[in-house]
Amino acid sequence: MVTLVGGTILGYGLIHYGSMHGDNFVYSGVHAGLFAALYFSAAQLAAVGTSQLTPNTEVLSARCPSPSR
């Protein structure tokens, strides 16, 4: 179970990390980087959301299962 959840968080985290350039994400107290991408992925998987890191484009917002804006 840990491998499945960890792999899912890592996989989606790497997808988000590849999209984290320019104005694609809005940062509030979180430094852009791999940790921020993994944090965002875990928060979306847990359905608790995150207020420090939100997608800033319609395409990226559509990828996220919970409302980010």
PDB file of N, CA and C in Angstrom:
ATOM      1  N   MET A   1       0.827  -1.188   0.000  1.00  0.00           N
ATOM      2  CA  MET A   1       0.000   0.000   0.000  1.00  0.00           C
ATOM      3  C   MET A   1       0.873   1.255   0.000  1.00  0.00           C
ATOM      4  N   VAL A   2       1.931   1.232   0.811  1.00  0.00           N
ATOM      5  CA  VAL A   2       2.837   2.384   0.872  1.00  0.00           C
ATOM      6  C   VAL A   2       3.493   2.606  -0.480  1.00  0.00           C
ATOM      7  N   THR A   3       3.868   1.524  -1.145  1.00  0.00           N
ATOM      8  CA  THR A   3       4.489   1.642  -2.466  1.00  0.00           C
ATOM      9  C   THR A   3       3.516   2.227  -3.479  1.00  0.00           C
ATOM     10  N   LEU A   4       2.279   1.795  -3.434  1.00  0.00           N
ATOM     11  CA  LEU A   4       1.272   2.303  -4.364  1.00  0.00           C
ATOM     12  C   LEU A   4       1.023   3.797  -4.142  1.00  0.00           C
ATOM     13  N   VAL A   5       0.793   4.188  -2.907  1.00  0.00           N
ATOM     14  CA  VAL A   5       0.523   5.598  -2.611  1.00  0.00           C
ATOM     15  C   VAL A   5       1.766   6.447  -2.865  1.00  0.00           C
ATOM     16  N   GLY A   6       2.919   5.968  -2.412  1.00  0.00           N
ATOM     17  CA  GLY A   6       4.162   6.710  -2.639  1.00  0.00           C
ATOM     18  C   GLY A   6       4.484   6.874  -4.119  1.00  0.00           C
ATOM     19  N   GLY A   7       4.266   5.804  -4.883  1.00  0.00           N
ATOM     20  CA  GLY A   7       4.506   5.877  -6.325  1.00  0.00           C
ATOM     21  C   GLY A   7       3.552   6.835  -7.018  1.00  0.00           C
ATOM     22  N   THR A   8       2.306   6.860  -6.570  1.00  0.00           N
ATOM     23  CA  THR A   8       1.323   7.788  -7.140  1.00  0.00           C
ATOM     24  C   THR A   8       1.704   9.229  -6.839  1.00  0.00           C
ATOM     25  N   ILE A   9       2.076   9.501  -5.597  1.00  0.00           N
ATOM     26  CA  ILE A   9       2.492  10.858  -5.227  1.00  0.00           C
ATOM     27  C   ILE A   9       3.734  11.262  -6.014  1.00  0.00           C
ATOM     28  N   LEU A  10       4.707  10.362  -6.113  1.00  0.00           N
ATOM     29  CA  LEU A  10       5.925  10.662  -6.859  1.00  0.00           C
ATOM     30  C   LEU A  10       5.627  10.890  -8.339  1.00  0.00           C
ATOM     31  N   GLY A  11       4.810  10.029  -8.926  1.00  0.00           N
ATOM     32  CA  GLY A  11       4.494  10.163 -10.352  1.00  0.00           C
ATOM     33  C   GLY A  11       3.812  11.480 -10.683  1.00  0.00           C
ATOM     34  N   TYR A  12       2.751  11.790  -9.931  1.00  0.00           N
ATOM     35  CA  TYR A  12       2.067  13.063 -10.177  1.00  0.00           C
ATOM     36  C   TYR A  12       2.937  14.247  -9.791  1.00  0.00           C
ATOM     37  N   GLY A  13       3.756  14.075  -8.759  1.00  0.00           N
ATOM     38  CA  GLY A  13       4.680  15.141  -8.376  1.00  0.00           C
ATOM     39  C   GLY A  13       5.650  15.475  -9.494  1.00  0.00           C
ATOM     40  N   LEU A  14       6.159  14.456 -10.155  1.00  0.00           N
ATOM     41  CA  LEU A  14       7.082  14.695 -11.272  1.00  0.00           C
ATOM     42  C   LEU A  14       6.367  15.347 -12.458  1.00  0.00           C
ATOM     43  N   ILE A  15       5.107  14.979 -12.675  1.00  0.00           N
ATOM     44  CA  ILE A  15       4.331  15.631 -13.737  1.00  0.00           C
ATOM     45  C   ILE A  15       4.164  17.110 -13.416  1.00  0.00           C
ATOM     46  N   HIS A  16       3.782  17.420 -12.176  1.00  0.00           N
ATOM     47  CA  HIS A  16       3.625  18.823 -11.777  1.00  0.00           C
ATOM     48  C   HIS A  16       4.959  19.563 -11.809  1.00  0.00           C
ATOM     49  N   TYR A  17       6.020  18.900 -11.385  1.00  0.00           N
ATOM     50  CA  TYR A  17       7.344  19.521 -11.375  1.00  0.00           C
ATOM     51  C   TYR A  17       7.766  19.940 -12.786  1.00  0.00           C
ATOM     52  N   GLY A  18       7.423  19.117 -13.771  1.00  0.00           N
ATOM     53  CA  GLY A  18       7.739  19.448 -15.156  1.00  0.00           C
ATOM     54  C   GLY A  18       6.966  20.659 -15.665  1.00  0.00           C
ATOM     55  N   SER A  19       5.853  20.966 -15.019  1.00  0.00           N
ATOM     56  CA  SER A  19       5.026  22.108 -15.425  1.00  0.00           C
ATOM     57  C   SER A  19       5.308  23.368 -14.612  1.00  0.00           C
ATOM     58  N   MET A  20       6.162  23.272 -13.619  1.00  0.00           N
ATOM     59  CA  MET A  20       6.403  24.397 -12.715  1.00  0.00           C
ATOM     60  C   MET A  20       7.495  25.320 -13.258  1.00  0.00           C
ATOM     61  N   HIS A  21       7.135  26.097 -14.233  1.00  0.00           N
ATOM     62  CA  HIS A  21       8.064  27.099 -14.743  1.00  0.00           C
ATOM     63  C   HIS A  21       7.281  28.338 -15.124  1.00  0.00           C
ATOM     64  N   GLY A  22       7.923  29.457 -15.048  1.00  0.00           N
ATOM     65  CA  GLY A  22       7.255  30.711 -15.396  1.00  0.00           C
ATOM     66  C   GLY A  22       6.084  31.016 -14.486  1.00  0.00           C
ATOM     67  N   ASP A  23       4.970  31.396 -15.084  1.00  0.00           N
ATOM     68  CA  ASP A  23       3.776  31.781 -14.330  1.00  0.00           C
ATOM     69  C   ASP A  23       2.736  30.659 -14.256  1.00  0.00           C
ATOM     70  N   ASN A  24       3.147  29.416 -14.469  1.00  0.00           N
ATOM     71  CA  ASN A  24       2.191  28.309 -14.462  1.00  0.00           C
ATOM     72  C   ASN A  24       1.606  28.027 -13.087  1.00  0.00           C
ATOM     73  N   PHE A  25       2.351  28.287 -12.033  1.00  0.00           N
ATOM     74  CA  PHE A  25       1.876  28.085 -10.674  1.00  0.00           C
ATOM     75  C   PHE A  25       2.069  29.369  -9.889  1.00  0.00           C
ATOM     76  N   VAL A  26       1.191  29.620  -8.937  1.00  0.00           N
ATOM     77  CA  VAL A  26       1.306  30.768  -8.042  1.00  0.00           C
ATOM     78  C   VAL A  26       1.813  30.246  -6.706  1.00  0.00           C
ATOM     79  N   TYR A  27       2.892  30.843  -6.206  1.00  0.00           N
ATOM     80  CA  TYR A  27       3.514  30.394  -4.977  1.00  0.00           C
ATOM     81  C   TYR A  27       3.246  31.390  -3.869  1.00  0.00           C
ATOM     82  N   SER A  28       2.943  30.880  -2.699  1.00  0.00           N
ATOM     83  CA  SER A  28       2.721  31.723  -1.536  1.00  0.00           C
ATOM     84  C   SER A  28       3.401  31.069  -0.344  1.00  0.00           C
ATOM     85  N   GLY A  29       4.638  31.424  -0.091  1.00  0.00           N
ATOM     86  CA  GLY A  29       5.357  30.858   1.030  1.00  0.00           C
ATOM     87  C   GLY A  29       5.991  29.508   0.746  1.00  0.00           C
ATOM     88  N   VAL A  30       5.869  29.013  -0.467  1.00  0.00           N
ATOM     89  CA  VAL A  30       6.463  27.729  -0.835  1.00  0.00           C
ATOM     90  C   VAL A  30       7.442  27.982  -1.971  1.00  0.00           C
ATOM     91  N   HIS A  31       8.647  27.473  -1.841  1.00  0.00           N
ATOM     92  CA  HIS A  31       9.639  27.638  -2.903  1.00  0.00           C
ATOM     93  C   HIS A  31       9.359  26.638  -4.017  1.00  0.00           C
ATOM     94  N   ALA A  32       9.421  27.111  -5.250  1.00  0.00           N
ATOM     95  CA  ALA A  32       9.199  26.225  -6.394  1.00  0.00           C
ATOM     96  C   ALA A  32      10.321  25.202  -6.441  1.00  0.00           C
ATOM     97  N   GLY A  33       9.980  23.972  -6.597  1.00  0.00           N
ATOM     98  CA  GLY A  33      10.976  22.917  -6.661  1.00  0.00           C
ATOM     99  C   GLY A  33      10.322  21.559  -6.533  1.00  0.00           C
ATOM    100  N   LEU A  34      11.145  20.535  -6.435  1.00  0.00           N
ATOM    101  CA  LEU A  34      10.637  19.174  -6.355  1.00  0.00           C
ATOM    102  C   LEU A  34       9.804  18.959  -5.095  1.00  0.00           C
ATOM    103  N   PHE A  35      10.241  19.504  -3.954  1.00  0.00           N
ATOM    104  CA  PHE A  35       9.465  19.341  -2.730  1.00  0.00           C
ATOM    105  C   PHE A  35       8.083  19.973  -2.868  1.00  0.00           C
ATOM    106  N   ALA A  36       8.009  21.150  -3.477  1.00  0.00           N
ATOM    107  CA  ALA A  36       6.719  21.819  -3.671  1.00  0.00           C
ATOM    108  C   ALA A  36       5.818  20.979  -4.581  1.00  0.00           C
ATOM    109  N   ALA A  37       6.395  20.368  -5.606  1.00  0.00           N
ATOM    110  CA  ALA A  37       5.609  19.522  -6.506  1.00  0.00           C
ATOM    111  C   ALA A  37       5.095  18.279  -5.782  1.00  0.00           C
ATOM    112  N   LEU A  38       5.928  17.669  -4.954  1.00  0.00           N
ATOM    113  CA  LEU A  38       5.497  16.490  -4.195  1.00  0.00           C
ATOM    114  C   LEU A  38       4.453  16.868  -3.148  1.00  0.00           C
ATOM    115  N   TYR A  39       4.647  18.019  -2.524  1.00  0.00           N
ATOM    116  CA  TYR A  39       3.677  18.517  -1.538  1.00  0.00           C
ATOM    117  C   TYR A  39       2.323  18.746  -2.206  1.00  0.00           C
ATOM    118  N   PHE A  40       2.333  19.373  -3.355  1.00  0.00           N
ATOM    119  CA  PHE A  40       1.099  19.641  -4.096  1.00  0.00           C
ATOM    120  C   PHE A  40       0.427  18.328  -4.501  1.00  0.00           C
ATOM    121  N   SER A  41       1.211  17.369  -4.971  1.00  0.00           N
ATOM    122  CA  SER A  41       0.674  16.078  -5.377  1.00  0.00           C
ATOM    123  C   SER A  41       0.044  15.346  -4.193  1.00  0.00           C
ATOM    124  N   ALA A  42       0.725  15.321  -3.050  1.00  0.00           N
ATOM    125  CA  ALA A  42       0.190  14.650  -1.865  1.00  0.00           C
ATOM    126  C   ALA A  42      -1.075  15.340  -1.364  1.00  0.00           C
ATOM    127  N   ALA A  43      -1.088  16.666  -1.390  1.00  0.00           N
ATOM    128  CA  ALA A  43      -2.266  17.412  -0.931  1.00  0.00           C
ATOM    129  C   ALA A  43      -3.460  17.143  -1.835  1.00  0.00           C
ATOM    130  N   GLN A  44      -3.236  17.066  -3.133  1.00  0.00           N
ATOM    131  CA  GLN A  44      -4.327  16.776  -4.059  1.00  0.00           C
ATOM    132  C   GLN A  44      -4.818  15.339  -3.903  1.00  0.00           C
ATOM    133  N   LEU A  45      -3.905  14.403  -3.667  1.00  0.00           N
ATOM    134  CA  LEU A  45      -4.292  13.012  -3.480  1.00  0.00           C
ATOM    135  C   LEU A  45      -5.105  12.842  -2.196  1.00  0.00           C
ATOM    136  N   ALA A  46      -4.741  13.567  -1.153  1.00  0.00           N
ATOM    137  CA  ALA A  46      -5.444  13.469   0.121  1.00  0.00           C
ATOM    138  C   ALA A  46      -6.743  14.271   0.114  1.00  0.00           C
ATOM    139  N   ALA A  47      -6.989  15.026  -0.943  1.00  0.00           N
ATOM    140  CA  ALA A  47      -8.192  15.845  -1.106  1.00  0.00           C
ATOM    141  C   ALA A  47      -8.335  16.902  -0.014  1.00  0.00           C
ATOM    142  N   VAL A  48      -7.204  17.331   0.549  1.00  0.00           N
ATOM    143  CA  VAL A  48      -7.260  18.407   1.527  1.00  0.00           C
ATOM    144  C   VAL A  48      -6.919  19.742   0.883  1.00  0.00           C
ATOM    145  N   GLY A  49      -6.322  19.693  -0.309  1.00  0.00           N
ATOM    146  CA  GLY A  49      -5.974  20.925  -1.009  1.00  0.00           C
ATOM    147  C   GLY A  49      -4.784  21.616  -0.388  1.00  0.00           C
ATOM    148  N   THR A  50      -4.400  22.678  -0.991  1.00  0.00           N
ATOM    149  CA  THR A  50      -3.290  23.480  -0.492  1.00  0.00           C
ATOM    150  C   THR A  50      -3.533  24.919  -0.883  1.00  0.00           C
ATOM    151  N   SER A  51      -3.247  25.822   0.005  1.00  0.00           N
ATOM    152  CA  SER A  51      -3.444  27.236  -0.310  1.00  0.00           C
ATOM    153  C   SER A  51      -2.137  27.926  -0.656  1.00  0.00           C
ATOM    154  N   GLN A  52      -1.000  27.283  -0.396  1.00  0.00           N
ATOM    155  CA  GLN A  52       0.281  27.923  -0.676  1.00  0.00           C
ATOM    156  C   GLN A  52       0.715  27.772  -2.131  1.00  0.00           C
ATOM    157  N   LEU A  53       0.173  26.797  -2.829  1.00  0.00           N
ATOM    158  CA  LEU A  53       0.632  26.484  -4.177  1.00  0.00           C
ATOM    159  C   LEU A  53      -0.576  26.144  -5.028  1.00  0.00           C
ATOM    160  N   THR A  54      -0.860  26.960  -6.021  1.00  0.00           N
ATOM    161  CA  THR A  54      -2.031  26.715  -6.860  1.00  0.00           C
ATOM    162  C   THR A  54      -1.668  26.851  -8.329  1.00  0.00           C
ATOM    163  N   PRO A  55      -2.284  26.036  -9.199  1.00  0.00           N
ATOM    164  CA  PRO A  55      -2.057  26.184 -10.628  1.00  0.00           C
ATOM    165  C   PRO A  55      -2.634  27.503 -11.115  1.00  0.00           C
ATOM    166  N   ASN A  56      -1.967  28.092 -12.079  1.00  0.00           N
ATOM    167  CA  ASN A  56      -2.347  29.415 -12.546  1.00  0.00           C
ATOM    168  C   ASN A  56      -2.856  29.405 -13.981  1.00  0.00           C
ATOM    169  N   THR A  57      -2.976  28.245 -14.590  1.00  0.00           N
ATOM    170  CA  THR A  57      -3.492  28.168 -15.952  1.00  0.00           C
ATOM    171  C   THR A  57      -4.687  27.213 -15.974  1.00  0.00           C
ATOM    172  N   GLU A  58      -5.531  27.345 -16.966  1.00  0.00           N
ATOM    173  CA  GLU A  58      -6.718  26.490 -17.071  1.00  0.00           C
ATOM    174  C   GLU A  58      -6.338  25.029 -17.298  1.00  0.00           C
ATOM    175  N   VAL A  59      -5.309  24.778 -18.091  1.00  0.00           N
ATOM    176  CA  VAL A  59      -4.885  23.407 -18.374  1.00  0.00           C
ATOM    177  C   VAL A  59      -4.418  22.729 -17.094  1.00  0.00           C
ATOM    178  N   LEU A  60      -3.584  23.411 -16.312  1.00  0.00           N
ATOM    179  CA  LEU A  60      -3.090  22.828 -15.067  1.00  0.00           C
ATOM    180  C   LEU A  60      -4.207  22.704 -14.032  1.00  0.00           C
ATOM    181  N   SER A  61      -5.130  23.647 -14.000  1.00  0.00           N
ATOM    182  CA  SER A  61      -6.258  23.565 -13.065  1.00  0.00           C
ATOM    183  C   SER A  61      -7.143  22.364 -13.384  1.00  0.00           C
ATOM    184  N   ALA A  62      -7.274  22.039 -14.657  1.00  0.00           N
ATOM    185  CA  ALA A  62      -8.102  20.903 -15.052  1.00  0.00           C
ATOM    186  C   ALA A  62      -7.485  19.578 -14.611  1.00  0.00           C
ATOM    187  N   ARG A  63      -6.157  19.535 -14.455  1.00  0.00           N
ATOM    188  CA  ARG A  63      -5.463  18.325 -14.019  1.00  0.00           C
ATOM    189  C   ARG A  63      -5.678  18.006 -12.560  1.00  0.00           C
ATOM    190  N   CYS A  64      -6.043  18.993 -11.768  1.00  0.00           N
ATOM    191  CA  CYS A  64      -6.155  18.835 -10.317  1.00  0.00           C
ATOM    192  C   CYS A  64      -7.564  18.384  -9.954  1.00  0.00           C
ATOM    193  N   PRO A  65      -7.680  17.354  -9.133  1.00  0.00           N
ATOM    194  CA  PRO A  65      -8.996  16.811  -8.815  1.00  0.00           C
ATOM    195  C   PRO A  65      -9.851  17.709  -7.929  1.00  0.00           C
ATOM    196  N   SER A  66      -9.243  18.569  -7.136  1.00  0.00           N
ATOM    197  CA  SER A  66     -10.034  19.449  -6.265  1.00  0.00           C
ATOM    198  C   SER A  66      -9.896  20.888  -6.734  1.00  0.00           C
ATOM    199  N   PRO A  67     -10.891  21.718  -6.480  1.00  0.00           N
ATOM    200  CA  PRO A  67     -10.812  23.111  -6.895  1.00  0.00           C
ATOM    201  C   PRO A  67      -9.639  23.812  -6.235  1.00  0.00           C
ATOM    202  N   SER A  68      -8.865  24.533  -7.014  1.00  0.00           N
ATOM    203  CA  SER A  68      -7.671  25.194  -6.496  1.00  0.00           C
ATOM    204  C   SER A  68      -7.812  26.699  -6.430  1.00  0.00           C
ATOM    205  N   ARG A  69      -8.852  27.211  -7.009  1.00  0.00           N
ATOM    206  CA  ARG A  69      -9.013  28.668  -7.018  1.00  0.00           C
ATOM    207  C   ARG A  69     -10.277  29.049  -6.323  1.00  0.00           C
TER     208      ARG A  69
END
